[in-house]
Amino acid sequence: MSHDDANGRNSGATFLIGFIAGSMLGAGLALLFAPKPGDETRREVAERAQRVKDKAREGLGSASDRVAQFTERGKAIYQTAAEKARDAAQAVREGRDPIAAVADGDETLS
């Protein structure tokens, strides 16, 4: 795994944490400096907090879907590579060229 891959994965989580923290800080400041009555301000803060929570939940669902897609793709690539390795090993046992055996019906791994 390259350094860029790790940063790419972590940057999404870091952004989400920063977004949530910033939203909570903004809501708190709005509560402190709001020129509205307390009940109305608390209701607005609660609504904003709910919207932030909903957006965070959507983001988490989207991220989970992408992880599942990458997992499935990784399994497929692994299975293809394992089949090619078995074909090459069989070819060697039979005294055939392993590269030619793997190249027959070549499917790319990407």
C-alpha atoms as a PDB file:
ATOM      1  CA  MET A   1       0.000   0.000   0.000  1.00  0.00           C
ATOM      2  CA  SER A   2       1.469   3.320  -0.973  1.00  0.00           C
ATOM      3  CA  HIS A   3       1.659   6.388   1.212  1.00  0.00           C
ATOM      4  CA  ASP A   4      -0.814   8.177  -1.081  1.00  0.00           C
ATOM      5  CA  ASP A   5      -3.410   5.414  -0.656  1.00  0.00           C
ATOM      6  CA  ALA A   6      -3.228   5.700   3.111  1.00  0.00           C
ATOM      7  CA  ASN A   7      -3.569   9.485   2.944  1.00  0.00           C
ATOM      8  CA  GLY A   8      -6.489   9.216   0.532  1.00  0.00           C
ATOM      9  CA  ARG A   9      -8.384   6.926   2.863  1.00  0.00           C
ATOM     10  CA  ASN A  10      -7.573   8.939   5.961  1.00  0.00           C
ATOM     11  CA  SER A  11      -8.395  12.295   4.406  1.00  0.00           C
ATOM     12  CA  GLY A  12     -12.086  11.372   4.070  1.00  0.00           C
ATOM     13  CA  ALA A  13     -12.344  10.374   7.715  1.00  0.00           C
ATOM     14  CA  THR A  14     -10.373  13.436   8.793  1.00  0.00           C
ATOM     15  CA  PHE A  15     -12.650  15.675   6.747  1.00  0.00           C
ATOM     16  CA  LEU A  16     -15.775  14.100   8.248  1.00  0.00           C
ATOM     17  CA  ILE A  17     -14.476  14.495  11.803  1.00  0.00           C
ATOM     18  CA  GLY A  18     -13.473  18.104  11.110  1.00  0.00           C
ATOM     19  CA  PHE A  19     -16.827  18.825   9.516  1.00  0.00           C
ATOM     20  CA  ILE A  20     -18.735  17.464  12.492  1.00  0.00           C
ATOM     21  CA  ALA A  21     -16.506  19.257  15.008  1.00  0.00           C
ATOM     22  CA  GLY A  22     -16.804  22.523  13.084  1.00  0.00           C
ATOM     23  CA  SER A  23     -20.550  22.181  12.874  1.00  0.00           C
ATOM     24  CA  MET A  24     -20.838  21.624  16.605  1.00  0.00           C
ATOM     25  CA  LEU A  25     -18.560  24.592  17.319  1.00  0.00           C
ATOM     26  CA  GLY A  26     -20.602  26.775  14.978  1.00  0.00           C
ATOM     27  CA  ALA A  27     -23.834  25.684  16.621  1.00  0.00           C
ATOM     28  CA  GLY A  28     -22.439  26.489  20.046  1.00  0.00           C
ATOM     29  CA  LEU A  29     -21.254  29.926  18.957  1.00  0.00           C
ATOM     30  CA  ALA A  30     -24.606  30.601  17.349  1.00  0.00           C
ATOM     31  CA  LEU A  31     -26.285  29.756  20.633  1.00  0.00           C
ATOM     32  CA  LEU A  32     -24.020  32.125  22.557  1.00  0.00           C
ATOM     33  CA  PHE A  33     -24.355  35.086  20.199  1.00  0.00           C
ATOM     34  CA  ALA A  34     -27.906  34.656  18.967  1.00  0.00           C
ATOM     35  CA  PRO A  35     -30.253  37.624  19.405  1.00  0.00           C
ATOM     36  CA  LYS A  36     -33.274  35.304  19.599  1.00  0.00           C
ATOM     37  CA  PRO A  37     -35.069  33.913  22.654  1.00  0.00           C
ATOM     38  CA  GLY A  38     -33.534  30.795  24.199  1.00  0.00           C
ATOM     39  CA  ASP A  39     -36.311  28.393  23.204  1.00  0.00           C
ATOM     40  CA  GLU A  40     -36.184  29.425  19.572  1.00  0.00           C
ATOM     41  CA  THR A  41     -32.384  29.308  19.515  1.00  0.00           C
ATOM     42  CA  ARG A  42     -32.292  25.846  21.090  1.00  0.00           C
ATOM     43  CA  ARG A  43     -34.828  24.586  18.544  1.00  0.00           C
ATOM     44  CA  GLU A  44     -32.742  25.938  15.659  1.00  0.00           C
ATOM     45  CA  VAL A  45     -29.542  24.447  17.099  1.00  0.00           C
ATOM     46  CA  ALA A  46     -31.299  21.081  17.504  1.00  0.00           C
ATOM     47  CA  GLU A  47     -32.525  21.221  13.888  1.00  0.00           C
ATOM     48  CA  ARG A  48     -29.058  22.084  12.616  1.00  0.00           C
ATOM     49  CA  ALA A  49     -27.529  19.306  14.690  1.00  0.00           C
ATOM     50  CA  GLN A  50     -30.060  16.867  13.218  1.00  0.00           C
ATOM     51  CA  ARG A  51     -29.164  17.989   9.677  1.00  0.00           C
ATOM     52  CA  VAL A  52     -25.463  17.504  10.419  1.00  0.00           C
ATOM     53  CA  LYS A  53     -26.196  14.072  11.859  1.00  0.00           C
ATOM     54  CA  ASP A  54     -28.225  13.127   8.766  1.00  0.00           C
ATOM     55  CA  LYS A  55     -25.472  14.297   6.405  1.00  0.00           C
ATOM     56  CA  ALA A  56     -22.864  12.397   8.401  1.00  0.00           C
ATOM     57  CA  ARG A  57     -25.025   9.280   8.238  1.00  0.00           C
ATOM     58  CA  GLU A  58     -25.375   9.696   4.444  1.00  0.00           C
ATOM     59  CA  GLY A  59     -21.609  10.081   4.122  1.00  0.00           C
ATOM     60  CA  LEU A  60     -21.007   6.986   6.199  1.00  0.00           C
ATOM     61  CA  GLY A  61     -23.472   4.999   4.077  1.00  0.00           C
ATOM     62  CA  SER A  62     -21.769   6.142   0.894  1.00  0.00           C
ATOM     63  CA  ALA A  63     -18.341   5.256   2.276  1.00  0.00           C
ATOM     64  CA  SER A  64     -19.597   1.829   3.366  1.00  0.00           C
ATOM     65  CA  ASP A  65     -20.956   1.183  -0.124  1.00  0.00           C
ATOM     66  CA  ARG A  66     -17.611   2.095  -1.694  1.00  0.00           C
ATOM     67  CA  VAL A  67     -15.725  -0.166   0.715  1.00  0.00           C
ATOM     68  CA  ALA A  68     -18.049  -3.042  -0.196  1.00  0.00           C
ATOM     69  CA  GLN A  69     -17.475  -2.405  -3.912  1.00  0.00           C
ATOM     70  CA  PHE A  70     -13.687  -2.353  -3.460  1.00  0.00           C
ATOM     71  CA  THR A  71     -13.876  -5.529  -1.384  1.00  0.00           C
ATOM     72  CA  GLU A  72     -15.826  -7.348  -4.093  1.00  0.00           C
ATOM     73  CA  ARG A  73     -13.432  -6.143  -6.784  1.00  0.00           C
ATOM     74  CA  GLY A  74     -10.468  -7.247  -4.659  1.00  0.00           C
ATOM     75  CA  LYS A  75     -11.977 -10.714  -4.236  1.00  0.00           C
ATOM     76  CA  ALA A  76     -12.507 -11.034  -7.979  1.00  0.00           C
ATOM     77  CA  ILE A  77      -8.921  -9.970  -8.710  1.00  0.00           C
ATOM     78  CA  TYR A  78      -7.617 -12.402  -6.097  1.00  0.00           C
ATOM     79  CA  GLN A  79      -9.658 -15.281  -7.555  1.00  0.00           C
ATOM     80  CA  THR A  80      -8.434 -14.534 -11.086  1.00  0.00           C
ATOM     81  CA  ALA A  81      -4.815 -14.382  -9.912  1.00  0.00           C
ATOM     82  CA  ALA A  82      -5.192 -17.620  -7.932  1.00  0.00           C
ATOM     83  CA  GLU A  83      -6.651 -19.394 -10.981  1.00  0.00           C
ATOM     84  CA  LYS A  84      -3.779 -18.185 -13.155  1.00  0.00           C
ATOM     85  CA  ALA A  85      -1.260 -19.354 -10.549  1.00  0.00           C
ATOM     86  CA  ARG A  86      -2.909 -22.809 -10.439  1.00  0.00           C
ATOM     87  CA  ASP A  87      -2.898 -22.976 -14.260  1.00  0.00           C
ATOM     88  CA  ALA A  88       0.791 -22.037 -14.359  1.00  0.00           C
ATOM     89  CA  ALA A  89       1.670 -24.602 -11.669  1.00  0.00           C
ATOM     90  CA  GLN A  90      -0.251 -27.314 -13.533  1.00  0.00           C
ATOM     91  CA  ALA A  91       1.553 -26.414 -16.747  1.00  0.00           C
ATOM     92  CA  VAL A  92       4.931 -26.723 -15.020  1.00  0.00           C
ATOM     93  CA  ARG A  93       3.972 -30.142 -13.612  1.00  0.00           C
ATOM     94  CA  GLU A  94       2.974 -31.234 -17.122  1.00  0.00           C
ATOM     95  CA  GLY A  95       6.179 -29.864 -18.659  1.00  0.00           C
ATOM     96  CA  ARG A  96       4.401 -27.108 -20.586  1.00  0.00           C
ATOM     97  CA  ASP A  97       5.238 -23.413 -20.792  1.00  0.00           C
ATOM     98  CA  PRO A  98       3.520 -21.761 -17.810  1.00  0.00           C
ATOM     99  CA  ILE A  99       3.353 -18.380 -19.530  1.00  0.00           C
ATOM    100  CA  ALA A 100       1.552 -19.830 -22.529  1.00  0.00           C
ATOM    101  CA  ALA A 101      -0.829 -21.726 -20.231  1.00  0.00           C
ATOM    102  CA  VAL A 102      -1.745 -18.556 -18.382  1.00  0.00           C
ATOM    103  CA  ALA A 103      -1.993 -16.482 -21.570  1.00  0.00           C
ATOM    104  CA  ASP A 104      -4.647 -18.823 -23.044  1.00  0.00           C
ATOM    105  CA  GLY A 105      -7.978 -17.077 -22.580  1.00  0.00           C
ATOM    106  CA  ASP A 106      -6.102 -14.184 -20.991  1.00  0.00           C
ATOM    107  CA  GLU A 107      -8.247 -12.014 -18.758  1.00  0.00           C
ATOM    108  CA  THR A 108      -6.576  -8.935 -17.390  1.00  0.00           C
ATOM    109  CA  LEU A 109      -6.444  -8.392 -13.669  1.00  0.00           C
ATOM    110  CA  SER A 110      -7.292  -4.712 -13.852  1.00  0.00           C
END
